[in-house]
Amino acid sequence: MKKYLTKSGNSWVMTFTKTLLELLELNPEEDQVEIEVEGKILKISKAQKDVEQ
């Protein structure tokens, strides 16, 4: 999948389509994402929720 970045103030953003959110089982109002950089590869995954004790 190819996506364009969009200018937002001094930053650049990538939008997630509803389909992509569903594939990741990601609720943008509740979940966080984990971002990793390996060389020139950007990996974005759903972050594990912290376990409360």
Protein backbone atom coordinates (compact mmCIF):
# COMPACT_ATOMS: atom_id res chain seq x y z
CA MET A 1 0.00 0.00 0.00
CA LYS A 2 1.34 3.44 -0.89
CA LYS A 3 0.27 6.58 1.00
CA TYR A 4 1.09 10.26 0.65
CA LEU A 5 2.03 12.42 3.64
CA THR A 6 0.02 15.58 4.30
CA LYS A 7 1.37 18.83 5.75
CA SER A 8 -0.09 19.77 9.15
CA GLY A 9 1.52 22.85 10.74
CA ASN A 10 5.24 22.09 11.09
CA SER A 11 4.64 18.34 10.83
CA TRP A 12 3.73 15.74 8.23
CA VAL A 13 0.92 13.25 8.87
CA MET A 14 -0.24 9.97 7.37
CA THR A 15 -3.95 9.21 7.44
CA PHE A 16 -5.28 5.75 8.19
CA THR A 17 -8.29 4.61 6.19
CA LYS A 18 -11.16 2.82 7.92
CA THR A 19 -10.07 -0.39 6.18
CA LEU A 20 -6.53 -0.09 7.51
CA LEU A 21 -7.80 0.60 11.04
CA GLU A 22 -10.01 -2.49 10.81
CA LEU A 23 -7.12 -4.67 9.59
CA LEU A 24 -5.02 -3.52 12.56
CA GLU A 25 -8.02 -3.84 14.92
CA LEU A 26 -7.13 -0.29 15.95
CA ASN A 27 -9.51 2.17 17.62
CA PRO A 28 -7.88 5.61 17.19
CA GLU A 29 -9.90 7.04 20.08
CA GLU A 30 -8.59 4.47 22.59
CA ASP A 31 -5.50 2.66 21.25
CA GLN A 32 -1.91 3.76 20.79
CA VAL A 33 0.51 2.66 18.08
CA GLU A 34 4.08 1.43 18.38
CA ILE A 35 6.52 2.93 15.86
CA GLU A 36 9.83 1.28 14.98
CA VAL A 37 12.48 2.31 12.47
CA GLU A 38 14.70 -0.39 10.97
CA GLY A 39 17.07 1.12 8.44
CA LYS A 40 14.74 2.95 6.05
CA ILE A 41 11.70 0.88 7.03
CA LEU A 42 9.00 2.38 9.25
CA LYS A 43 6.94 -0.21 11.14
CA ILE A 44 3.64 0.82 12.74
CA SER A 45 1.71 -1.65 14.89
CA LYS A 46 -0.98 -1.58 17.55
CA ALA A 47 0.63 -1.06 20.94
CA GLN A 48 -0.05 -3.56 23.68
CA LYS A 49 -2.21 -2.11 26.45
CA ASP A 50 -0.50 -1.71 29.83
CA VAL A 51 -1.65 -4.20 32.41
CA GLU A 52 -2.90 -2.44 35.53
CA GLN A 53 -1.98 -3.99 38.88
